[in-house]
Protein backbone atom coordinates (compact mmCIF):
# COMPACT_ATOMS: atom_id res chain seq x y z
CA UNK A 1 9.31 23.65 12.47
CA UNK A 2 7.49 21.24 10.18
CA UNK A 3 3.87 21.78 9.36
CA UNK A 4 1.60 18.86 10.33
CA UNK A 5 -1.72 17.46 9.18
CA UNK A 6 -3.50 14.18 8.65
CA UNK A 7 -4.55 12.39 5.46
CA UNK A 8 -8.21 13.04 5.92
CA UNK A 9 -7.90 16.79 5.40
CA UNK A 10 -7.43 15.86 1.77
CA UNK A 11 -9.46 12.71 1.39
CA UNK A 12 -12.51 13.42 3.66
CA UNK A 13 -13.21 9.65 4.06
CA UNK A 14 -13.02 9.05 0.30
CA UNK A 15 -10.70 6.18 0.94
CA UNK A 16 -10.67 2.43 0.20
CA UNK A 17 -8.23 -0.18 1.59
CA UNK A 18 -7.49 -3.67 0.15
CA UNK A 19 -10.99 -4.91 1.03
CA UNK A 20 -12.46 -2.15 -1.20
CA UNK A 21 -14.96 -1.10 1.42
CA UNK A 22 -15.26 2.74 1.19
CA UNK A 23 -14.99 4.67 4.46
CA UNK A 24 -17.85 6.86 3.27
CA UNK A 25 -20.93 5.16 4.65
CA UNK A 26 -23.19 6.34 1.83
CA UNK A 27 -21.14 4.32 -0.63
CA UNK A 28 -21.74 0.60 -1.14
CA UNK A 29 -19.53 -1.96 0.54
CA UNK A 30 -17.64 -4.49 -1.60
CA UNK A 31 -20.12 -7.21 -0.57
CA UNK A 32 -22.85 -5.07 -2.06
CA UNK A 33 -21.18 -3.90 -5.23
CA UNK A 34 -19.66 -7.33 -6.13
CA UNK A 35 -23.19 -8.61 -6.64
CA UNK A 36 -23.97 -5.81 -9.10
CA UNK A 37 -20.64 -6.26 -10.86
CA UNK A 38 -20.97 -10.06 -10.68
CA UNK A 39 -17.52 -10.60 -9.11
CA UNK A 40 -16.60 -13.77 -7.30
CA UNK A 41 -13.26 -12.61 -5.93
CA UNK A 42 -11.57 -9.50 -4.38
CA UNK A 43 -9.53 -7.90 -7.11
CA UNK A 44 -6.08 -6.34 -6.70
CA UNK A 45 -4.69 -3.33 -8.54
CA UNK A 46 -3.28 -5.42 -11.43
CA UNK A 47 -6.75 -6.91 -12.15
CA UNK A 48 -9.11 -5.19 -14.65
CA UNK A 49 -11.93 -5.78 -12.17
CA UNK A 50 -10.23 -3.36 -9.73
CA UNK A 51 -10.75 -0.51 -12.19
CA UNK A 52 -14.36 -1.59 -12.66
CA UNK A 53 -14.95 -1.38 -8.89
CA UNK A 54 -13.35 2.12 -8.82
CA UNK A 55 -15.47 3.30 -11.73
CA UNK A 56 -18.60 1.92 -10.05
CA UNK A 57 -17.80 3.95 -6.94
CA UNK A 58 -16.92 7.06 -8.89
CA UNK A 59 -20.39 6.97 -10.55
CA UNK A 60 -22.00 6.61 -7.17
CA UNK A 61 -20.14 9.80 -6.00
CA UNK A 62 -20.79 12.06 -8.99
CA UNK A 63 -20.78 12.69 -12.68
CA UNK A 64 -17.07 12.70 -13.57
CA UNK A 65 -15.49 12.97 -17.00
CA UNK A 66 -11.76 12.91 -16.11
CA UNK A 67 -9.52 10.80 -13.85
CA UNK A 68 -6.05 11.95 -12.88
CA UNK A 69 -4.17 9.21 -11.02
CA UNK A 70 -1.00 9.74 -8.88
CA UNK A 71 0.96 6.66 -7.83
CA UNK A 72 4.48 5.32 -7.35
CA UNK A 73 4.66 1.93 -9.12
CA UNK A 74 4.44 1.30 -12.86
CA UNK A 75 3.37 -2.29 -12.38
CA UNK A 76 0.44 -1.86 -9.98
CA UNK A 77 -0.60 1.81 -10.32
CA UNK A 78 0.19 1.72 -13.99
CA UNK A 79 -2.22 -1.27 -14.35
CA UNK A 80 -5.00 0.69 -12.73
CA UNK A 81 -4.36 3.58 -15.12
CA UNK A 82 -4.36 1.26 -18.14
CA UNK A 83 -7.50 -0.58 -16.99
CA UNK A 84 -9.43 2.62 -16.23
CA UNK A 85 -8.45 3.90 -19.67
CA UNK A 86 -9.66 0.73 -21.39
CA UNK A 87 -13.16 1.12 -19.77
CA UNK A 88 -13.65 4.09 -22.14
CA UNK A 89 -15.69 5.82 -19.44
CA UNK A 90 -13.35 8.69 -18.60
CA UNK A 91 -10.54 10.70 -20.01
CA UNK A 92 -7.65 9.29 -17.96
CA UNK A 93 -4.15 10.41 -17.24
CA UNK A 94 -1.64 8.95 -14.77
CA UNK A 95 1.54 10.17 -13.06
CA UNK A 96 3.96 7.61 -11.65
CA UNK A 97 6.72 9.05 -9.39
CA UNK A 98 9.77 7.42 -7.87
CA UNK A 99 12.52 9.74 -6.60
CA UNK A 100 15.82 9.00 -8.39
CA UNK A 101 19.15 10.61 -9.05
CA UNK A 102 18.36 11.73 -12.51
CA UNK A 103 15.65 14.42 -13.03
CA UNK A 104 13.30 13.68 -15.94
CA UNK A 105 9.68 13.57 -16.97
CA UNK A 106 8.93 10.95 -19.56
CA UNK A 107 5.63 10.52 -21.42
CA UNK A 108 4.42 6.98 -22.00
CA UNK A 109 1.03 7.00 -23.63
CA UNK A 110 -1.40 8.66 -21.18
CA UNK A 111 1.10 8.42 -18.35
CA UNK A 112 4.08 10.40 -17.13
CA UNK A 113 6.97 8.62 -15.54
CA UNK A 114 8.55 11.05 -13.15
CA UNK A 115 11.78 10.85 -11.11
CA UNK A 116 11.37 13.88 -8.80
CA UNK A 117 8.50 14.56 -6.40
CA UNK A 118 9.13 18.26 -6.84
CA UNK A 119 8.03 17.94 -10.46
CA UNK A 120 4.37 17.27 -9.55
CA UNK A 121 3.18 20.90 -9.61
CA UNK A 122 4.90 21.60 -12.95
CA UNK A 123 3.26 18.39 -14.23
CA UNK A 124 -0.16 19.84 -13.26
CA UNK A 125 0.67 22.83 -15.45
CA UNK A 126 1.61 20.55 -18.33
CA UNK A 127 -1.71 18.71 -17.97
CA UNK A 128 -3.63 22.02 -17.96
CA UNK A 129 -1.91 23.03 -21.23
CA UNK A 130 -3.10 19.68 -22.65
CA UNK A 131 -6.63 20.62 -21.65
CA UNK A 132 -6.66 18.28 -18.65
CA UNK A 133 -8.15 20.79 -16.22
CA UNK A 134 -8.85 20.23 -12.59
CA UNK A 135 -12.53 21.01 -12.02
CA UNK A 136 -15.76 19.57 -10.56
CA UNK A 137 -15.82 16.98 -13.38
CA UNK A 138 -12.43 15.61 -12.35
CA UNK A 139 -11.67 12.92 -9.71
CA UNK A 140 -8.09 12.89 -8.57
CA UNK A 141 -7.01 9.39 -7.41
CA UNK A 142 -4.01 9.27 -5.04
CA UNK A 143 -2.26 6.13 -3.90
CA UNK A 144 -1.66 6.43 -0.17
CA UNK A 145 1.29 4.18 0.71
CA UNK A 146 4.59 5.45 -0.73
CA UNK A 147 2.84 8.27 -2.59
CA UNK A 148 0.81 10.39 -0.19
CA UNK A 149 2.93 9.13 2.74
CA UNK A 150 6.36 7.56 2.69
CA UNK A 151 7.24 8.93 -0.80
CA UNK A 152 8.93 6.20 -2.86
CA UNK A 153 12.61 6.78 -3.41
CA UNK A 154 12.82 9.30 -0.59
CA UNK A 155 10.83 8.18 2.51
CA UNK A 156 9.65 4.66 1.68
CA UNK A 157 12.14 3.04 4.02
CA UNK A 158 10.19 4.24 6.97
CA UNK A 159 7.07 2.37 5.79
CA UNK A 160 9.14 -0.71 5.23
CA UNK A 161 10.58 -0.41 8.70
CA UNK A 162 7.05 -0.31 10.27
CA UNK A 163 6.40 -3.57 8.45
CA UNK A 164 9.62 -5.28 9.61
CA UNK A 165 9.17 -3.88 13.10
CA UNK A 166 5.91 -5.85 13.22
CA UNK A 167 7.53 -9.08 11.95
CA UNK A 168 10.51 -8.88 14.34
CA UNK A 169 8.08 -8.21 17.20
CA UNK A 170 6.28 -11.44 16.43
CA UNK A 171 9.58 -13.36 16.08
CA UNK A 172 10.72 -12.09 19.49
CA UNK A 173 7.43 -13.21 21.08
CA UNK A 174 7.44 -16.63 19.38
CA UNK A 175 11.14 -17.47 19.25
CA UNK A 176 12.94 -15.25 21.77
CA UNK A 177 15.69 -12.79 20.91
CA UNK A 178 16.45 -11.87 17.37
CA UNK A 179 19.57 -11.46 15.26
CA UNK A 180 18.76 -8.42 13.24
CA UNK A 181 21.32 -9.10 10.44
CA UNK A 182 20.03 -12.63 9.96
CA UNK A 183 16.38 -11.50 9.85
CA UNK A 184 17.25 -8.67 7.41
CA UNK A 185 18.90 -11.26 5.06
CA UNK A 186 15.93 -13.58 5.20
CA UNK A 187 13.37 -10.85 4.66
CA UNK A 188 15.36 -9.30 1.83
CA UNK A 189 15.60 -12.71 0.00
CA UNK A 190 11.81 -13.17 0.29
CA UNK A 191 10.68 -9.60 -0.46
CA UNK A 192 11.72 -9.63 -4.12
CA UNK A 193 9.87 -9.18 -7.37
CA UNK A 194 11.32 -12.50 -8.59
CA UNK A 195 9.16 -14.30 -5.94
CA UNK A 196 5.95 -12.41 -6.61
CA UNK A 197 4.55 -15.32 -8.63
CA UNK A 198 4.62 -17.23 -5.27
CA UNK A 199 4.02 -14.51 -2.67
CA UNK A 200 1.56 -12.57 -4.72
CA UNK A 201 3.41 -9.49 -3.49
CA UNK A 202 1.51 -10.06 -0.30
CA UNK A 203 3.26 -9.07 2.92
CA UNK A 204 1.13 -11.56 4.90
CA UNK A 205 2.89 -14.33 3.07
CA UNK A 206 6.31 -12.72 3.26
CA UNK A 207 5.81 -12.19 7.00
CA UNK A 208 4.91 -15.80 7.90
CA UNK A 209 7.68 -17.17 5.62
CA UNK A 210 10.25 -14.88 7.30
CA UNK A 211 9.15 -16.35 10.67
CA UNK A 212 9.32 -19.99 9.40
CA UNK A 213 12.79 -19.58 7.89
CA UNK A 214 14.14 -17.63 10.85
CA UNK A 215 12.83 -20.36 13.20
CA UNK A 216 14.56 -23.05 11.01
CA UNK A 217 11.30 -24.82 10.37
CA UNK A 218 12.47 -24.99 6.71
CA UNK A 219 15.71 -23.99 5.09
CA UNK A 220 15.58 -20.79 3.15
CA UNK A 221 18.22 -21.92 0.66
CA UNK A 222 16.36 -25.15 0.05
CA UNK A 223 13.12 -23.30 -0.65
CA UNK A 224 14.79 -20.90 -3.03
CA UNK A 225 16.34 -23.75 -5.01
CA UNK A 226 13.04 -25.66 -5.04
CA UNK A 227 11.10 -22.57 -6.14
CA UNK A 228 13.30 -21.88 -9.14
CA UNK A 229 13.10 -25.60 -10.07
CA UNK A 230 9.34 -25.16 -10.25
CA UNK A 231 8.49 -27.21 -7.13
CA UNK A 232 6.29 -24.52 -5.42
CA UNK A 233 3.45 -22.73 -7.12
CA UNK A 234 1.38 -21.42 -4.25
CA UNK A 235 1.77 -20.80 -0.51
CA UNK A 236 -0.73 -23.22 0.98
CA UNK A 237 0.81 -26.16 -0.85
CA UNK A 238 4.24 -25.21 0.70
CA UNK A 239 2.84 -24.50 4.17
CA UNK A 240 1.17 -27.93 4.28
CA UNK A 241 4.58 -29.60 4.09
CA UNK A 242 5.92 -27.84 7.24
CA UNK A 243 5.69 -29.64 10.56
CA UNK A 244 5.86 -27.59 13.77
CA UNK A 245 5.37 -29.04 17.25
CA UNK A 246 1.93 -27.86 18.47
CA UNK A 247 3.49 -26.39 21.64
CA UNK A 248 5.59 -23.92 19.62
CA UNK A 249 4.10 -20.48 19.32
CA UNK A 250 4.97 -20.59 15.59
CA UNK A 251 2.50 -23.46 15.22
CA UNK A 252 -0.50 -21.24 15.96
CA UNK A 253 0.87 -18.49 13.62
CA UNK A 254 1.19 -20.96 10.71
CA UNK A 255 -2.25 -22.45 11.38
CA UNK A 256 -3.75 -18.95 11.44
CA UNK A 257 -2.35 -18.24 7.99
CA UNK A 258 -3.38 -21.63 6.57
CA UNK A 259 -6.90 -21.29 7.83
CA UNK A 260 -7.30 -17.86 6.30
CA UNK A 261 -5.84 -18.98 2.96
CA UNK A 262 -8.36 -21.82 2.89
CA UNK A 263 -11.22 -19.36 3.61
CA UNK A 264 -9.81 -17.03 0.86
CA UNK A 265 -9.63 -14.27 3.48
CA UNK A 266 -7.88 -11.26 1.88
CA UNK A 267 -5.99 -10.81 5.12
CA UNK A 268 -4.13 -14.11 5.66
CA UNK A 269 -2.09 -13.05 8.70
CA UNK A 270 -4.25 -10.83 11.01
CA UNK A 271 -1.74 -11.12 13.88
CA UNK A 272 0.92 -9.49 11.67
CA UNK A 273 -1.43 -6.79 10.35
CA UNK A 274 -2.49 -5.75 13.87
CA UNK A 275 1.22 -5.45 14.83
CA UNK A 276 1.83 -3.47 11.58
CA UNK A 277 -0.94 -1.03 12.55
CA UNK A 278 0.66 -0.25 15.89
CA UNK A 279 4.16 -0.08 14.41
CA UNK A 280 3.02 2.34 11.75
CA UNK A 281 1.42 4.68 14.25
CA UNK A 282 4.68 4.60 16.25
CA UNK A 283 6.64 5.78 13.17
CA UNK A 284 4.43 8.89 12.64
CA UNK A 285 5.44 12.23 14.13
CA UNK A 286 7.73 10.78 16.82
CA UNK A 287 11.05 12.42 16.10
CA UNK A 288 12.00 16.02 17.11
CA UNK A 289 11.73 18.67 14.38
CA UNK A 290 15.45 19.34 14.78
CA UNK A 291 16.33 15.77 13.68
CA UNK A 292 18.82 15.22 10.91
CA UNK A 293 16.93 15.11 7.60
CA UNK A 294 18.44 11.76 6.62
CA UNK A 295 17.33 10.21 9.93
CA UNK A 296 13.87 11.71 9.56
CA UNK A 297 13.44 10.28 6.05
CA UNK A 298 14.72 6.82 7.02
CA UNK A 299 12.83 6.47 10.33
CA UNK A 300 9.64 8.52 10.30
CA UNK A 301 6.59 8.21 8.00
CA UNK A 302 6.00 11.65 6.51
CA UNK A 303 3.29 13.27 4.44
CA UNK A 304 4.69 14.04 0.95
CA UNK A 305 4.24 17.79 0.64
CA UNK A 306 4.24 17.77 -3.15
CA UNK A 307 1.35 15.26 -3.22
CA UNK A 308 -0.45 17.06 -0.36
CA UNK A 309 -0.24 20.27 -2.38
CA UNK A 310 -1.73 18.58 -5.47
CA UNK A 311 -4.63 17.43 -3.24
CA UNK A 312 -5.23 20.95 -1.94
CA UNK A 313 -5.08 22.51 -5.39
CA UNK A 314 -7.51 19.85 -6.73
CA UNK A 315 -9.97 20.38 -3.90
CA UNK A 316 -9.77 24.19 -4.26
CA UNK A 317 -10.62 23.82 -7.98
CA UNK A 318 -13.68 21.68 -7.26
CA UNK A 319 -12.20 18.23 -8.05
CA UNK A 320 -12.83 15.26 -5.71
CA UNK A 321 -9.81 13.54 -4.21
CA UNK A 322 -10.01 9.75 -3.71
CA UNK A 323 -7.42 7.66 -1.80
CA UNK A 324 -6.32 4.09 -2.43
CA UNK A 325 -4.38 1.83 -0.12
CA UNK A 326 -3.19 -1.72 -0.78
CA UNK A 327 -3.02 -2.37 2.96
CA UNK A 328 -5.81 -4.25 4.63
CA UNK A 329 -8.18 -2.51 7.06
CA UNK A 330 -6.47 -4.26 10.03
CA UNK A 331 -3.27 -2.33 9.26
CA UNK A 332 -5.07 1.01 9.02
CA UNK A 333 -8.21 1.20 11.13
CA UNK A 334 -8.43 0.55 14.91
CA UNK A 335 -11.26 -1.90 14.80
CA UNK A 336 -11.92 -2.93 18.43
CA UNK A 337 -8.91 -0.84 19.46
CA UNK A 338 -10.73 2.27 20.76
CA UNK A 339 -7.66 3.98 22.21
CA UNK A 340 -5.87 3.99 18.92
CA UNK A 341 -6.20 6.49 16.07
CA UNK A 342 -6.80 5.41 12.47
CA UNK A 343 -3.77 5.95 10.23
CA UNK A 344 -5.62 8.38 8.08
CA UNK A 345 -6.47 10.54 11.13
CA UNK A 346 -2.97 10.46 12.68
CA UNK A 347 -1.05 13.69 12.68
CA UNK A 348 2.16 13.52 10.61
CA UNK A 349 4.86 15.95 9.63
CA UNK A 350 4.71 17.33 6.09
CA UNK A 351 8.00 17.07 4.24
CA UNK A 352 9.72 19.06 2.91
CA UNK A 353 9.09 22.13 4.95
């Protein structure tokens, strides 16, 4: 039998989502703190201002001297680690983990690049030997998606499937039946790092584009050629060239995204994010405990035991554990959906046993 728990056992509402509004009511909302920090935009992880927001919140919580950051991407999480370090307000160390075939721990400045989740507890011992102790002066920051749940390189496909479940559900509603292979091809062509300069690594944009190309409102091959020729720089410019009959359901979906982009809403495609919320819940603790391990890892979103254990150890030693999610609140919190459970309160299996 697998043990089960929810995220909040570790985080105790010390969580922020994409909008940077802490769940803890005593902490300032982003609309409050952006005035004090003189920000005129919502920063993402790659932005130096994101680290400034985190530091501002950390100071509101307590008097911390050290930050230990656990994430899964060198680009995004690594940027937060670098930017927190450059603030010169804390002693900072980061651990970036992606499960791979090779087993190694590589130091890169004040970061460790790690290829096995099982190495996390030995890494804590390494940090202690380097005088990076877990105590009440330490804040442990843990990325949620593909670190605390859906461990990258091991269980991340389940998180990806919740996302594509949501998109295919919208396609079925708007366009009828779906050819899975054709959709998978379109989505895989769009969900690539080479297109991040256009999509902003934003699944709202990837989702609506998948729908547009699947519905043949624009040819995928043509867009790819035009993008690499430098024709398209940002989504709204591209979306404004697409004509959809007003009676088509896809028309309302595209207009929804265009309107939110114009308003600079951080969640451009709320319809997609609400579907993603439901699809994520459905992929948590739904398979029998006797399921084949490969099926479990590919289909069900699991709590990463090694990260969970880091959180428990940190809390037991007096450190505060703080969770970050790139997902918007609509994908994580049941606003106006009283019968649903927030993602961070949903029971999930802890893997491995």
